[in-house]
Amino acid sequence: MEVKAINDVNARVGDRIILGIDTSSLIKTAFLLYMFPILCMLAGAFIGWKISLYCNYDGSVFSIISGFLLFFTAFIFIKSKGNRLARKREYKPRIIRII
């Protein structure tokens, strides 16, 4: 398997190594990928329902439209945030030691 990793231990090609990644970084990215879109969809559905009350329209239609709108907006946000996080050192795998 090939992985781009930070080589602080001066490992060479062919060495068997142990890779590691910071746990807090892993938890943050997992939340961003899995929970954030769902929370945005739920917030969008709630906002759509509230808007439908003021406009006297069918609440389920507004909830569906605004829920999916925020759901897809969350993916656009994740894409841009992911590109920024990929440049940070703490979000990259690191070679811990050579076996």
PDB file of N, CA and C in Angstrom:
ATOM      1  N   MET A   1       0.852  -1.162   0.000  1.00  0.00           N
ATOM      2  CA  MET A   1       0.000   0.000   0.000  1.00  0.00           C
ATOM      3  C   MET A   1       0.904   1.232   0.000  1.00  0.00           C
ATOM      4  N   GLU A   2       0.509   2.233  -0.746  1.00  0.00           N
ATOM      5  CA  GLU A   2       1.249   3.485  -0.780  1.00  0.00           C
ATOM      6  C   GLU A   2       0.448   4.576  -0.092  1.00  0.00           C
ATOM      7  N   VAL A   3       1.118   5.282   0.810  1.00  0.00           N
ATOM      8  CA  VAL A   3       0.494   6.375   1.557  1.00  0.00           C
ATOM      9  C   VAL A   3       1.518   7.494   1.656  1.00  0.00           C
ATOM     10  N   LYS A   4       1.073   8.710   1.410  1.00  0.00           N
ATOM     11  CA  LYS A   4       1.945   9.853   1.645  1.00  0.00           C
ATOM     12  C   LYS A   4       1.924  10.151   3.133  1.00  0.00           C
ATOM     13  N   ALA A   5       3.101  10.148   3.747  1.00  0.00           N
ATOM     14  CA  ALA A   5       3.185  10.352   5.194  1.00  0.00           C
ATOM     15  C   ALA A   5       4.401  11.209   5.520  1.00  0.00           C
ATOM     16  N   ILE A   6       4.350  11.821   6.672  1.00  0.00           N
ATOM     17  CA  ILE A   6       5.470  12.619   7.165  1.00  0.00           C
ATOM     18  C   ILE A   6       6.526  11.652   7.687  1.00  0.00           C
ATOM     19  N   ASN A   7       7.756  11.799   7.190  1.00  0.00           N
ATOM     20  CA  ASN A   7       8.829  10.873   7.521  1.00  0.00           C
ATOM     21  C   ASN A   7       9.794  11.537   8.499  1.00  0.00           C
ATOM     22  N   ASP A   8       9.469  11.474   9.791  1.00  0.00           N
ATOM     23  CA  ASP A   8      10.336  12.044  10.820  1.00  0.00           C
ATOM     24  C   ASP A   8      11.428  11.085  11.277  1.00  0.00           C
ATOM     25  N   VAL A   9      11.327   9.797  10.937  1.00  0.00           N
ATOM     26  CA  VAL A   9      12.288   8.795  11.412  1.00  0.00           C
ATOM     27  C   VAL A   9      13.272   8.376  10.328  1.00  0.00           C
ATOM     28  N   ASN A  10      13.246   9.062   9.200  1.00  0.00           N
ATOM     29  CA  ASN A  10      14.160   8.784   8.074  1.00  0.00           C
ATOM     30  C   ASN A  10      14.023   7.365   7.543  1.00  0.00           C
ATOM     31  N   ALA A  11      12.816   6.906   7.371  1.00  0.00           N
ATOM     32  CA  ALA A  11      12.565   5.597   6.776  1.00  0.00           C
ATOM     33  C   ALA A  11      12.881   5.670   5.281  1.00  0.00           C
ATOM     34  N   ARG A  12      13.302   4.517   4.732  1.00  0.00           N
ATOM     35  CA  ARG A  12      13.630   4.452   3.307  1.00  0.00           C
ATOM     36  C   ARG A  12      12.643   3.533   2.599  1.00  0.00           C
ATOM     37  N   VAL A  13      12.674   3.580   1.293  1.00  0.00           N
ATOM     38  CA  VAL A  13      11.805   2.729   0.481  1.00  0.00           C
ATOM     39  C   VAL A  13      12.124   1.278   0.799  1.00  0.00           C
ATOM     40  N   GLY A  14      11.107   0.487   1.055  1.00  0.00           N
ATOM     41  CA  GLY A  14      11.268  -0.925   1.375  1.00  0.00           C
ATOM     42  C   GLY A  14      11.232  -1.219   2.863  1.00  0.00           C
ATOM     43  N   ASP A  15      11.376  -0.203   3.705  1.00  0.00           N
ATOM     44  CA  ASP A  15      11.303  -0.407   5.158  1.00  0.00           C
ATOM     45  C   ASP A  15       9.867  -0.708   5.568  1.00  0.00           C
ATOM     46  N   ARG A  16       9.737  -1.573   6.566  1.00  0.00           N
ATOM     47  CA  ARG A  16       8.426  -1.814   7.167  1.00  0.00           C
ATOM     48  C   ARG A  16       8.271  -0.801   8.288  1.00  0.00           C
ATOM     49  N   ILE A  17       7.128  -0.130   8.302  1.00  0.00           N
ATOM     50  CA  ILE A  17       6.946   0.983   9.226  1.00  0.00           C
ATOM     51  C   ILE A  17       5.613   0.876   9.957  1.00  0.00           C
ATOM     52  N   ILE A  18       5.470   1.693  10.970  1.00  0.00           N
ATOM     53  CA  ILE A  18       4.193   1.858  11.662  1.00  0.00           C
ATOM     54  C   ILE A  18       3.737   3.289  11.419  1.00  0.00           C
ATOM     55  N   LEU A  19       2.517   3.427  10.895  1.00  0.00           N
ATOM     56  CA  LEU A  19       1.931   4.740  10.634  1.00  0.00           C
ATOM     57  C   LEU A  19       1.022   5.127  11.783  1.00  0.00           C
ATOM     58  N   GLY A  20       0.905   6.404  12.008  1.00  0.00           N
ATOM     59  CA  GLY A  20      -0.012   6.895  13.032  1.00  0.00           C
ATOM     60  C   GLY A  20      -0.626   8.204  12.597  1.00  0.00           C
ATOM     61  N   ILE A  21      -1.776   8.499  13.169  1.00  0.00           N
ATOM     62  CA  ILE A  21      -2.440   9.775  12.922  1.00  0.00           C
ATOM     63  C   ILE A  21      -3.021  10.242  14.252  1.00  0.00           C
ATOM     64  N   ASP A  22      -3.017  11.536  14.464  1.00  0.00           N
ATOM     65  CA  ASP A  22      -3.508  12.110  15.709  1.00  0.00           C
ATOM     66  C   ASP A  22      -4.991  11.774  15.890  1.00  0.00           C
ATOM     67  N   THR A  23      -5.345  11.285  17.067  1.00  0.00           N
ATOM     68  CA  THR A  23      -6.716  10.857  17.333  1.00  0.00           C
ATOM     69  C   THR A  23      -7.710  12.013  17.249  1.00  0.00           C
ATOM     70  N   SER A  24      -7.347  13.163  17.767  1.00  0.00           N
ATOM     71  CA  SER A  24      -8.284  14.290  17.729  1.00  0.00           C
ATOM     72  C   SER A  24      -8.543  14.733  16.287  1.00  0.00           C
ATOM     73  N   SER A  25      -7.538  14.672  15.442  1.00  0.00           N
ATOM     74  CA  SER A  25      -7.723  15.007  14.034  1.00  0.00           C
ATOM     75  C   SER A  25      -8.653  14.015  13.353  1.00  0.00           C
ATOM     76  N   LEU A  26      -8.484  12.749  13.700  1.00  0.00           N
ATOM     77  CA  LEU A  26      -9.330  11.701  13.124  1.00  0.00           C
ATOM     78  C   LEU A  26     -10.782  11.869  13.546  1.00  0.00           C
ATOM     79  N   ILE A  27     -11.010  12.212  14.797  1.00  0.00           N
ATOM     80  CA  ILE A  27     -12.375  12.400  15.295  1.00  0.00           C
ATOM     81  C   ILE A  27     -13.017  13.629  14.635  1.00  0.00           C
ATOM     82  N   LYS A  28     -12.252  14.693  14.498  1.00  0.00           N
ATOM     83  CA  LYS A  28     -12.777  15.912  13.858  1.00  0.00           C
ATOM     84  C   LYS A  28     -13.175  15.646  12.412  1.00  0.00           C
ATOM     85  N   THR A  29     -12.323  14.947  11.669  1.00  0.00           N
ATOM     86  CA  THR A  29     -12.655  14.680  10.271  1.00  0.00           C
ATOM     87  C   THR A  29     -13.817  13.701  10.145  1.00  0.00           C
ATOM     88  N   ALA A  30     -13.898  12.720  11.049  1.00  0.00           N
ATOM     89  CA  ALA A  30     -15.026  11.785  11.015  1.00  0.00           C
ATOM     90  C   ALA A  30     -16.334  12.524  11.285  1.00  0.00           C
ATOM     91  N   PHE A  31     -16.327  13.446  12.253  1.00  0.00           N
ATOM     92  CA  PHE A  31     -17.519  14.248  12.513  1.00  0.00           C
ATOM     93  C   PHE A  31     -17.882  15.082  11.295  1.00  0.00           C
ATOM     94  N   LEU A  32     -16.893  15.693  10.686  1.00  0.00           N
ATOM     95  CA  LEU A  32     -17.137  16.539   9.520  1.00  0.00           C
ATOM     96  C   LEU A  32     -17.725  15.725   8.369  1.00  0.00           C
ATOM     97  N   LEU A  33     -17.249  14.519   8.174  1.00  0.00           N
ATOM     98  CA  LEU A  33     -17.717  13.700   7.051  1.00  0.00           C
ATOM     99  C   LEU A  33     -19.069  13.026   7.287  1.00  0.00           C
ATOM    100  N   TYR A  34     -19.317  12.590   8.523  1.00  0.00           N
ATOM    101  CA  TYR A  34     -20.500  11.770   8.766  1.00  0.00           C
ATOM    102  C   TYR A  34     -21.640  12.509   9.475  1.00  0.00           C
ATOM    103  N   MET A  35     -21.331  13.300  10.462  1.00  0.00           N
ATOM    104  CA  MET A  35     -22.386  13.938  11.254  1.00  0.00           C
ATOM    105  C   MET A  35     -22.828  15.293  10.695  1.00  0.00           C
ATOM    106  N   PHE A  36     -21.884  16.080  10.208  1.00  0.00           N
ATOM    107  CA  PHE A  36     -22.199  17.426   9.762  1.00  0.00           C
ATOM    108  C   PHE A  36     -23.262  17.454   8.654  1.00  0.00           C
ATOM    109  N   PRO A  37     -23.191  16.604   7.607  1.00  0.00           N
ATOM    110  CA  PRO A  37     -24.251  16.636   6.588  1.00  0.00           C
ATOM    111  C   PRO A  37     -25.628  16.276   7.140  1.00  0.00           C
ATOM    112  N   ILE A  38     -25.673  15.324   8.052  1.00  0.00           N
ATOM    113  CA  ILE A  38     -26.962  14.923   8.621  1.00  0.00           C
ATOM    114  C   ILE A  38     -27.544  16.050   9.471  1.00  0.00           C
ATOM    115  N   LEU A  39     -26.699  16.691  10.269  1.00  0.00           N
ATOM    116  CA  LEU A  39     -27.175  17.815  11.080  1.00  0.00           C
ATOM    117  C   LEU A  39     -27.646  18.971  10.205  1.00  0.00           C
ATOM    118  N   CYS A  40     -26.945  19.221   9.099  1.00  0.00           N
ATOM    119  CA  CYS A  40     -27.376  20.279   8.178  1.00  0.00           C
ATOM    120  C   CYS A  40     -28.716  19.936   7.537  1.00  0.00           C
ATOM    121  N   MET A  41     -28.904  18.667   7.179  1.00  0.00           N
ATOM    122  CA  MET A  41     -30.171  18.267   6.582  1.00  0.00           C
ATOM    123  C   MET A  41     -31.320  18.430   7.578  1.00  0.00           C
ATOM    124  N   LEU A  42     -31.099  18.039   8.814  1.00  0.00           N
ATOM    125  CA  LEU A  42     -32.142  18.202   9.836  1.00  0.00           C
ATOM    126  C   LEU A  42     -32.440  19.678  10.098  1.00  0.00           C
ATOM    127  N   ALA A  43     -31.402  20.501  10.159  1.00  0.00           N
ATOM    128  CA  ALA A  43     -31.601  21.941  10.358  1.00  0.00           C
ATOM    129  C   ALA A  43     -32.360  22.542   9.180  1.00  0.00           C
ATOM    130  N   GLY A  44     -32.012  22.113   7.972  1.00  0.00           N
ATOM    131  CA  GLY A  44     -32.712  22.609   6.792  1.00  0.00           C
ATOM    132  C   GLY A  44     -34.175  22.205   6.775  1.00  0.00           C
ATOM    133  N   ALA A  45     -34.470  20.989   7.195  1.00  0.00           N
ATOM    134  CA  ALA A  45     -35.861  20.540   7.255  1.00  0.00           C
ATOM    135  C   ALA A  45     -36.644  21.355   8.275  1.00  0.00           C
ATOM    136  N   PHE A  46     -36.026  21.635   9.407  1.00  0.00           N
ATOM    137  CA  PHE A  46     -36.692  22.433  10.433  1.00  0.00           C
ATOM    138  C   PHE A  46     -36.924  23.869   9.946  1.00  0.00           C
ATOM    139  N   ILE A  47     -35.926  24.441   9.300  1.00  0.00           N
ATOM    140  CA  ILE A  47     -36.053  25.808   8.763  1.00  0.00           C
ATOM    141  C   ILE A  47     -37.148  25.859   7.697  1.00  0.00           C
ATOM    142  N   GLY A  48     -37.173  24.851   6.826  1.00  0.00           N
ATOM    143  CA  GLY A  48     -38.213  24.799   5.788  1.00  0.00           C
ATOM    144  C   GLY A  48     -39.602  24.685   6.373  1.00  0.00           C
ATOM    145  N   TRP A  49     -39.726  23.909   7.422  1.00  0.00           N
ATOM    146  CA  TRP A  49     -41.016  23.768   8.086  1.00  0.00           C
ATOM    147  C   TRP A  49     -41.453  25.094   8.706  1.00  0.00           C
ATOM    148  N   LYS A  50     -40.505  25.799   9.347  1.00  0.00           N
ATOM    149  CA  LYS A  50     -40.825  27.097   9.943  1.00  0.00           C
ATOM    150  C   LYS A  50     -41.228  28.118   8.872  1.00  0.00           C
ATOM    151  N   ILE A  51     -40.533  28.115   7.746  1.00  0.00           N
ATOM    152  CA  ILE A  51     -40.862  29.043   6.655  1.00  0.00           C
ATOM    153  C   ILE A  51     -42.257  28.741   6.103  1.00  0.00           C
ATOM    154  N   SER A  52     -42.588  27.456   6.006  1.00  0.00           N
ATOM    155  CA  SER A  52     -43.899  27.092   5.459  1.00  0.00           C
ATOM    156  C   SER A  52     -45.034  27.561   6.367  1.00  0.00           C
ATOM    157  N   LEU A  53     -44.792  27.653   7.657  1.00  0.00           N
ATOM    158  CA  LEU A  53     -45.828  28.139   8.577  1.00  0.00           C
ATOM    159  C   LEU A  53     -46.150  29.612   8.306  1.00  0.00           C
ATOM    160  N   TYR A  54     -45.126  30.389   8.002  1.00  0.00           N
ATOM    161  CA  TYR A  54     -45.322  31.815   7.740  1.00  0.00           C
ATOM    162  C   TYR A  54     -45.909  32.076   6.355  1.00  0.00           C
ATOM    163  N   CYS A  55     -45.633  31.178   5.403  1.00  0.00           N
ATOM    164  CA  CYS A  55     -46.098  31.386   4.022  1.00  0.00           C
ATOM    165  C   CYS A  55     -47.390  30.643   3.698  1.00  0.00           C
ATOM    166  N   ASN A  56     -47.897  29.859   4.639  1.00  0.00           N
ATOM    167  CA  ASN A  56     -49.114  29.053   4.446  1.00  0.00           C
ATOM    168  C   ASN A  56     -48.994  28.082   3.273  1.00  0.00           C
ATOM    169  N   TYR A  57     -47.851  27.393   3.181  1.00  0.00           N
ATOM    170  CA  TYR A  57     -47.643  26.352   2.170  1.00  0.00           C
ATOM    171  C   TYR A  57     -47.526  25.005   2.868  1.00  0.00           C
ATOM    172  N   ASP A  58     -47.453  23.969   2.053  1.00  0.00           N
ATOM    173  CA  ASP A  58     -47.308  22.615   2.592  1.00  0.00           C
ATOM    174  C   ASP A  58     -45.951  22.482   3.277  1.00  0.00           C
ATOM    175  N   GLY A  59     -45.961  22.144   4.549  1.00  0.00           N
ATOM    176  CA  GLY A  59     -44.731  22.066   5.338  1.00  0.00           C
ATOM    177  C   GLY A  59     -43.777  20.990   4.879  1.00  0.00           C
ATOM    178  N   SER A  60     -44.292  19.860   4.418  1.00  0.00           N
ATOM    179  CA  SER A  60     -43.412  18.761   4.022  1.00  0.00           C
ATOM    180  C   SER A  60     -42.618  19.107   2.760  1.00  0.00           C
ATOM    181  N   VAL A  61     -43.222  19.823   1.832  1.00  0.00           N
ATOM    182  CA  VAL A  61     -42.510  20.203   0.601  1.00  0.00           C
ATOM    183  C   VAL A  61     -41.364  21.156   0.928  1.00  0.00           C
ATOM    184  N   PHE A  62     -41.628  22.173   1.733  1.00  0.00           N
ATOM    185  CA  PHE A  62     -40.575  23.115   2.120  1.00  0.00           C
ATOM    186  C   PHE A  62     -39.485  22.415   2.935  1.00  0.00           C
ATOM    187  N   SER A  63     -39.878  21.497   3.798  1.00  0.00           N
ATOM    188  CA  SER A  63     -38.901  20.773   4.606  1.00  0.00           C
ATOM    189  C   SER A  63     -37.973  19.942   3.733  1.00  0.00           C
ATOM    190  N   ILE A  64     -38.538  19.257   2.760  1.00  0.00           N
ATOM    191  CA  ILE A  64     -37.729  18.421   1.872  1.00  0.00           C
ATOM    192  C   ILE A  64     -36.778  19.282   1.049  1.00  0.00           C
ATOM    193  N   ILE A  65     -37.281  20.340   0.469  1.00  0.00           N
ATOM    194  CA  ILE A  65     -36.446  21.187  -0.382  1.00  0.00           C
ATOM    195  C   ILE A  65     -35.315  21.833   0.410  1.00  0.00           C
ATOM    196  N   SER A  66     -35.645  22.455   1.514  1.00  0.00           N
ATOM    197  CA  SER A  66     -34.597  23.132   2.286  1.00  0.00           C
ATOM    198  C   SER A  66     -33.663  22.133   2.968  1.00  0.00           C
ATOM    199  N   GLY A  67     -34.168  20.974   3.356  1.00  0.00           N
ATOM    200  CA  GLY A  67     -33.310  19.940   3.945  1.00  0.00           C
ATOM    201  C   GLY A  67     -32.255  19.461   2.976  1.00  0.00           C
ATOM    202  N   PHE A  68     -32.671  19.150   1.743  1.00  0.00           N
ATOM    203  CA  PHE A  68     -31.701  18.711   0.746  1.00  0.00           C
ATOM    204  C   PHE A  68     -30.789  19.845   0.290  1.00  0.00           C
ATOM    205  N   LEU A  69     -31.296  21.051   0.274  1.00  0.00           N
ATOM    206  CA  LEU A  69     -30.467  22.196  -0.086  1.00  0.00           C
ATOM    207  C   LEU A  69     -29.319  22.367   0.914  1.00  0.00           C
ATOM    208  N   LEU A  70     -29.612  22.307   2.190  1.00  0.00           N
ATOM    209  CA  LEU A  70     -28.549  22.408   3.196  1.00  0.00           C
ATOM    210  C   LEU A  70     -27.668  21.167   3.217  1.00  0.00           C
ATOM    211  N   PHE A  71     -28.237  20.010   2.897  1.00  0.00           N
ATOM    212  CA  PHE A  71     -27.457  18.771   2.829  1.00  0.00           C
ATOM    213  C   PHE A  71     -26.379  18.879   1.757  1.00  0.00           C
ATOM    214  N   PHE A  72     -26.746  19.342   0.574  1.00  0.00           N
ATOM    215  CA  PHE A  72     -25.771  19.478  -0.506  1.00  0.00           C
ATOM    216  C   PHE A  72     -24.820  20.643  -0.266  1.00  0.00           C
ATOM    217  N   THR A  73     -25.290  21.673   0.398  1.00  0.00           N
ATOM    218  CA  THR A  73     -24.409  22.782   0.764  1.00  0.00           C
ATOM    219  C   THR A  73     -23.348  22.303   1.751  1.00  0.00           C
ATOM    220  N   ALA A  74     -23.713  21.377   2.614  1.00  0.00           N
ATOM    221  CA  ALA A  74     -22.744  20.821   3.566  1.00  0.00           C
ATOM    222  C   ALA A  74     -21.610  20.110   2.830  1.00  0.00           C
ATOM    223  N   PHE A  75     -21.913  19.407   1.741  1.00  0.00           N
ATOM    224  CA  PHE A  75     -20.863  18.730   0.987  1.00  0.00           C
ATOM    225  C   PHE A  75     -19.928  19.714   0.299  1.00  0.00           C
ATOM    226  N   ILE A  76     -20.465  20.823  -0.158  1.00  0.00           N
ATOM    227  CA  ILE A  76     -19.606  21.853  -0.744  1.00  0.00           C
ATOM    228  C   ILE A  76     -18.680  22.420   0.328  1.00  0.00           C
ATOM    229  N   PHE A  77     -19.222  22.659   1.520  1.00  0.00           N
ATOM    230  CA  PHE A  77     -18.412  23.140   2.632  1.00  0.00           C
ATOM    231  C   PHE A  77     -17.337  22.113   3.014  1.00  0.00           C
ATOM    232  N   ILE A  78     -17.711  20.846   3.074  1.00  0.00           N
ATOM    233  CA  ILE A  78     -16.769  19.785   3.438  1.00  0.00           C
ATOM    234  C   ILE A  78     -15.636  19.709   2.420  1.00  0.00           C
ATOM    235  N   LYS A  79     -15.958  19.845   1.152  1.00  0.00           N
ATOM    236  CA  LYS A  79     -14.926  19.801   0.107  1.00  0.00           C
ATOM    237  C   LYS A  79     -13.924  20.935   0.292  1.00  0.00           C
ATOM    238  N   SER A  80     -14.403  22.146   0.514  1.00  0.00           N
ATOM    239  CA  SER A  80     -13.484  23.273   0.684  1.00  0.00           C
ATOM    240  C   SER A  80     -12.706  23.165   1.987  1.00  0.00           C
ATOM    241  N   LYS A  81     -13.358  22.747   3.063  1.00  0.00           N
ATOM    242  CA  LYS A  81     -12.688  22.586   4.356  1.00  0.00           C
ATOM    243  C   LYS A  81     -11.670  21.448   4.293  1.00  0.00           C
ATOM    244  N   GLY A  82     -12.007  20.377   3.597  1.00  0.00           N
ATOM    245  CA  GLY A  82     -11.090  19.246   3.453  1.00  0.00           C
ATOM    246  C   GLY A  82      -9.815  19.624   2.729  1.00  0.00           C
ATOM    247  N   ASN A  83      -9.930  20.455   1.713  1.00  0.00           N
ATOM    248  CA  ASN A  83      -8.745  20.906   0.995  1.00  0.00           C
ATOM    249  C   ASN A  83      -7.836  21.739   1.894  1.00  0.00           C
ATOM    250  N   ARG A  84      -8.425  22.557   2.753  1.00  0.00           N
ATOM    251  CA  ARG A  84      -7.616  23.359   3.681  1.00  0.00           C
ATOM    252  C   ARG A  84      -6.978  22.486   4.752  1.00  0.00           C
ATOM    253  N   LEU A  85      -7.727  21.507   5.277  1.00  0.00           N
ATOM    254  CA  LEU A  85      -7.189  20.639   6.323  1.00  0.00           C
ATOM    255  C   LEU A  85      -6.089  19.727   5.796  1.00  0.00           C
ATOM    256  N   ALA A  86      -6.168  19.351   4.530  1.00  0.00           N
ATOM    257  CA  ALA A  86      -5.168  18.457   3.945  1.00  0.00           C
ATOM    258  C   ALA A  86      -3.784  19.096   3.922  1.00  0.00           C
ATOM    259  N   ARG A  87      -3.712  20.393   3.968  1.00  0.00           N
ATOM    260  CA  ARG A  87      -2.420  21.088   3.971  1.00  0.00           C
ATOM    261  C   ARG A  87      -1.799  21.176   5.359  1.00  0.00           C
ATOM    262  N   LYS A  88      -2.573  20.931   6.395  1.00  0.00           N
ATOM    263  CA  LYS A  88      -2.057  21.038   7.766  1.00  0.00           C
ATOM    264  C   LYS A  88      -1.325  19.760   8.171  1.00  0.00           C
ATOM    265  N   ARG A  89      -0.273  19.937   8.907  1.00  0.00           N
ATOM    266  CA  ARG A  89       0.586  18.819   9.309  1.00  0.00           C
ATOM    267  C   ARG A  89      -0.136  17.830  10.238  1.00  0.00           C
ATOM    268  N   GLU A  90      -0.970  18.322  11.138  1.00  0.00           N
ATOM    269  CA  GLU A  90      -1.603  17.413  12.106  1.00  0.00           C
ATOM    270  C   GLU A  90      -2.662  16.504  11.491  1.00  0.00           C
ATOM    271  N   TYR A  91      -3.056  16.765  10.258  1.00  0.00           N
ATOM    272  CA  TYR A  91      -4.055  15.921   9.593  1.00  0.00           C
ATOM    273  C   TYR A  91      -3.422  14.923   8.628  1.00  0.00           C
ATOM    274  N   LYS A  92      -2.103  14.871   8.599  1.00  0.00           N
ATOM    275  CA  LYS A  92      -1.408  13.931   7.725  1.00  0.00           C
ATOM    276  C   LYS A  92      -0.900  12.752   8.541  1.00  0.00           C
ATOM    277  N   PRO A  93      -0.877  11.551   7.938  1.00  0.00           N
ATOM    278  CA  PRO A  93      -0.302  10.407   8.650  1.00  0.00           C
ATOM    279  C   PRO A  93       1.196  10.619   8.860  1.00  0.00           C
ATOM    280  N   ARG A  94       1.707  10.023   9.915  1.00  0.00           N
ATOM    281  CA  ARG A  94       3.111  10.201  10.279  1.00  0.00           C
ATOM    282  C   ARG A  94       3.725   8.812  10.494  1.00  0.00           C
ATOM    283  N   ILE A  95       4.949   8.666  10.061  1.00  0.00           N
ATOM    284  CA  ILE A  95       5.678   7.428  10.319  1.00  0.00           C
ATOM    285  C   ILE A  95       6.177   7.497  11.755  1.00  0.00           C
ATOM    286  N   ILE A  96       5.700   6.564  12.568  1.00  0.00           N
ATOM    287  CA  ILE A  96       6.046   6.574  13.989  1.00  0.00           C
ATOM    288  C   ILE A  96       7.392   5.897  14.232  1.00  0.00           C
ATOM    289  N   ARG A  97       7.556   4.699  13.630  1.00  0.00           N
ATOM    290  CA  ARG A  97       8.849   4.002  13.791  1.00  0.00           C
ATOM    291  C   ARG A  97       9.006   2.957  12.698  1.00  0.00           C
ATOM    292  N   ILE A  98      10.228   2.522  12.567  1.00  0.00           N
ATOM    293  CA  ILE A  98      10.567   1.468  11.610  1.00  0.00           C
ATOM    294  C   ILE A  98      10.553   0.150  12.364  1.00  0.00           C
ATOM    295  N   ILE A  99       9.923  -0.860  11.778  1.00  0.00           N
ATOM    296  CA  ILE A  99       9.839  -2.178  12.435  1.00  0.00           C
ATOM    297  C   ILE A  99      11.117  -2.955  12.150  1.00  0.00           C
TER     298      ILE A  99
END
